Amino acid sequence: MRMGYVSKLTSAGQLTIPKEIRRRLGLQSSSLVVLDEIGDVVLLRRFEAEQEVLQLLRNRLKKTGVTRTRVNEIVERERAKLWKEKTNHIR
């Protein structure tokens, strides 16, 4: 039986993932994770993209001059639009 864990959120919004969970998920320093919000529950899962694909994307973005801040803004805008589309029927 797996047990639940309690972690404290820092003032910077960071959260420590317990070692046992990191081990089971195969997470290492600088691993990417996905946080899915389902009602009042947040599901954490390992990001499954291939490292070569991520490196290719990073290299292409560097060449465009797009900043990380701008990429984050675009991703958040699109995520919000998608979330609204997917959950519109729930309300």
C-alpha atoms as a PDB file:
ATOM      1  CA  MET A   1       0.000   0.000   0.000  1.00  0.00           C
ATOM      2  CA  ARG A   2       1.313   3.417  -0.935  1.00  0.00           C
ATOM      3  CA  MET A   3       1.046   6.202   1.568  1.00  0.00           C
ATOM      4  CA  GLY A   4       0.319   9.881   1.173  1.00  0.00           C
ATOM      5  CA  TYR A   5       2.947  12.539   1.754  1.00  0.00           C
ATOM      6  CA  VAL A   6       2.786  16.099   3.040  1.00  0.00           C
ATOM      7  CA  SER A   7       5.064  18.746   1.542  1.00  0.00           C
ATOM      8  CA  LYS A   8       5.303  22.423   2.398  1.00  0.00           C
ATOM      9  CA  LEU A   9       4.963  25.023  -0.347  1.00  0.00           C
ATOM     10  CA  THR A  10       7.745  27.626  -0.248  1.00  0.00           C
ATOM     11  CA  SER A  11       7.175  31.357  -0.636  1.00  0.00           C
ATOM     12  CA  ALA A  12       8.551  30.954  -4.184  1.00  0.00           C
ATOM     13  CA  GLY A  13       5.807  28.423  -4.963  1.00  0.00           C
ATOM     14  CA  GLN A  14       8.181  25.458  -4.940  1.00  0.00           C
ATOM     15  CA  LEU A  15       7.280  22.055  -3.597  1.00  0.00           C
ATOM     16  CA  THR A  16       9.557  19.161  -2.640  1.00  0.00           C
ATOM     17  CA  ILE A  17       8.571  15.840  -4.158  1.00  0.00           C
ATOM     18  CA  PRO A  18       9.423  13.073  -1.673  1.00  0.00           C
ATOM     19  CA  LYS A  19      12.385  10.890  -2.615  1.00  0.00           C
ATOM     20  CA  GLU A  20      10.319   7.688  -2.854  1.00  0.00           C
ATOM     21  CA  ILE A  21       7.912   9.286  -5.343  1.00  0.00           C
ATOM     22  CA  ARG A  22      10.819  10.697  -7.386  1.00  0.00           C
ATOM     23  CA  ARG A  23      12.380   7.225  -7.464  1.00  0.00           C
ATOM     24  CA  ARG A  24       9.162   5.500  -8.556  1.00  0.00           C
ATOM     25  CA  LEU A  25       8.497   8.064 -11.288  1.00  0.00           C
ATOM     26  CA  GLY A  26      12.123   8.103 -12.442  1.00  0.00           C
ATOM     27  CA  LEU A  27      12.484  11.828 -11.743  1.00  0.00           C
ATOM     28  CA  GLN A  28      15.923  13.401 -11.496  1.00  0.00           C
ATOM     29  CA  SER A  29      17.188  16.937 -11.108  1.00  0.00           C
ATOM     30  CA  SER A  30      15.751  19.093 -13.921  1.00  0.00           C
ATOM     31  CA  SER A  31      13.195  16.425 -14.922  1.00  0.00           C
ATOM     32  CA  LEU A  32       9.983  17.872 -16.273  1.00  0.00           C
ATOM     33  CA  VAL A  33       6.622  17.067 -14.720  1.00  0.00           C
ATOM     34  CA  VAL A  34       3.046  17.840 -15.728  1.00  0.00           C
ATOM     35  CA  LEU A  35       0.538  19.101 -13.175  1.00  0.00           C
ATOM     36  CA  ASP A  36      -3.062  18.370 -14.126  1.00  0.00           C
ATOM     37  CA  GLU A  37      -5.812  20.117 -12.186  1.00  0.00           C
ATOM     38  CA  ILE A  38      -8.853  17.901 -11.723  1.00  0.00           C
ATOM     39  CA  GLY A  39     -11.426  19.662  -9.574  1.00  0.00           C
ATOM     40  CA  ASP A  40      -9.683  20.407  -6.271  1.00  0.00           C
ATOM     41  CA  VAL A  41      -7.010  17.739  -6.879  1.00  0.00           C
ATOM     42  CA  VAL A  42      -3.659  18.248  -8.605  1.00  0.00           C
ATOM     43  CA  LEU A  43      -2.205  15.203 -10.332  1.00  0.00           C
ATOM     44  CA  LEU A  44       1.552  15.158 -10.846  1.00  0.00           C
ATOM     45  CA  ARG A  45       3.012  12.960 -13.576  1.00  0.00           C
ATOM     46  CA  ARG A  46       6.288  12.621 -15.410  1.00  0.00           C
ATOM     47  CA  PHE A  47       6.522  14.521 -18.684  1.00  0.00           C
ATOM     48  CA  GLU A  48       6.929  11.847 -21.350  1.00  0.00           C
ATOM     49  CA  ALA A  49       8.556  13.827 -24.173  1.00  0.00           C
ATOM     50  CA  GLU A  50      11.786  12.562 -25.663  1.00  0.00           C
ATOM     51  CA  GLN A  51      14.834  14.581 -24.644  1.00  0.00           C
ATOM     52  CA  GLU A  52      15.958  14.883 -28.290  1.00  0.00           C
ATOM     53  CA  VAL A  53      12.662  16.529 -29.208  1.00  0.00           C
ATOM     54  CA  LEU A  54      12.937  18.950 -26.310  1.00  0.00           C
ATOM     55  CA  GLN A  55      16.515  19.843 -27.273  1.00  0.00           C
ATOM     56  CA  LEU A  56      15.436  20.403 -30.869  1.00  0.00           C
ATOM     57  CA  LEU A  57      12.667  22.743 -29.709  1.00  0.00           C
ATOM     58  CA  ARG A  58      15.065  24.628 -27.417  1.00  0.00           C
ATOM     59  CA  ASN A  59      17.549  25.099 -30.260  1.00  0.00           C
ATOM     60  CA  ARG A  60      14.851  26.334 -32.643  1.00  0.00           C
ATOM     61  CA  LEU A  61      13.482  28.773 -30.078  1.00  0.00           C
ATOM     62  CA  LYS A  62      16.960  30.176 -29.390  1.00  0.00           C
ATOM     63  CA  LYS A  63      17.349  30.936 -33.093  1.00  0.00           C
ATOM     64  CA  THR A  64      14.059  32.869 -33.169  1.00  0.00           C
ATOM     65  CA  GLY A  65      15.019  35.171 -30.326  1.00  0.00           C
ATOM     66  CA  VAL A  66      11.778  34.389 -28.466  1.00  0.00           C
ATOM     67  CA  THR A  67      12.342  34.726 -24.739  1.00  0.00           C
ATOM     68  CA  ARG A  68      11.377  32.127 -22.167  1.00  0.00           C
ATOM     69  CA  THR A  69       8.983  34.664 -20.655  1.00  0.00           C
ATOM     70  CA  ARG A  70       7.221  35.100 -24.004  1.00  0.00           C
ATOM     71  CA  VAL A  71       6.999  31.327 -24.528  1.00  0.00           C
ATOM     72  CA  ASN A  72       5.485  30.966 -21.046  1.00  0.00           C
ATOM     73  CA  GLU A  73       2.947  33.703 -21.835  1.00  0.00           C
ATOM     74  CA  ILE A  74       1.934  31.950 -25.056  1.00  0.00           C
ATOM     75  CA  VAL A  75       1.680  28.554 -23.354  1.00  0.00           C
ATOM     76  CA  GLU A  76      -0.424  29.951 -20.499  1.00  0.00           C
ATOM     77  CA  ARG A  77      -2.754  31.752 -22.901  1.00  0.00           C
ATOM     78  CA  GLU A  78      -3.251  28.626 -25.002  1.00  0.00           C
ATOM     79  CA  ARG A  79      -3.622  26.410 -21.924  1.00  0.00           C
ATOM     80  CA  ALA A  80      -6.331  28.723 -20.573  1.00  0.00           C
ATOM     81  CA  LYS A  81      -8.172  28.645 -23.913  1.00  0.00           C
ATOM     82  CA  LEU A  82      -7.977  24.862 -24.084  1.00  0.00           C
ATOM     83  CA  TRP A  83      -9.093  24.493 -20.464  1.00  0.00           C
ATOM     84  CA  LYS A  84     -12.070  26.756 -21.128  1.00  0.00           C
ATOM     85  CA  GLU A  85     -13.028  24.745 -24.210  1.00  0.00           C
ATOM     86  CA  LYS A  86     -12.684  21.404 -22.420  1.00  0.00           C
ATOM     87  CA  THR A  87     -14.544  22.421 -19.252  1.00  0.00           C
ATOM     88  CA  ASN A  88     -17.205  24.710 -20.726  1.00  0.00           C
ATOM     89  CA  HIS A  89     -19.822  21.949 -20.523  1.00  0.00           C
ATOM     90  CA  ILE A  90     -19.125  21.293 -16.813  1.00  0.00           C
ATOM     91  CA  ARG A  91     -20.401  24.615 -15.513  1.00  0.00           C
END
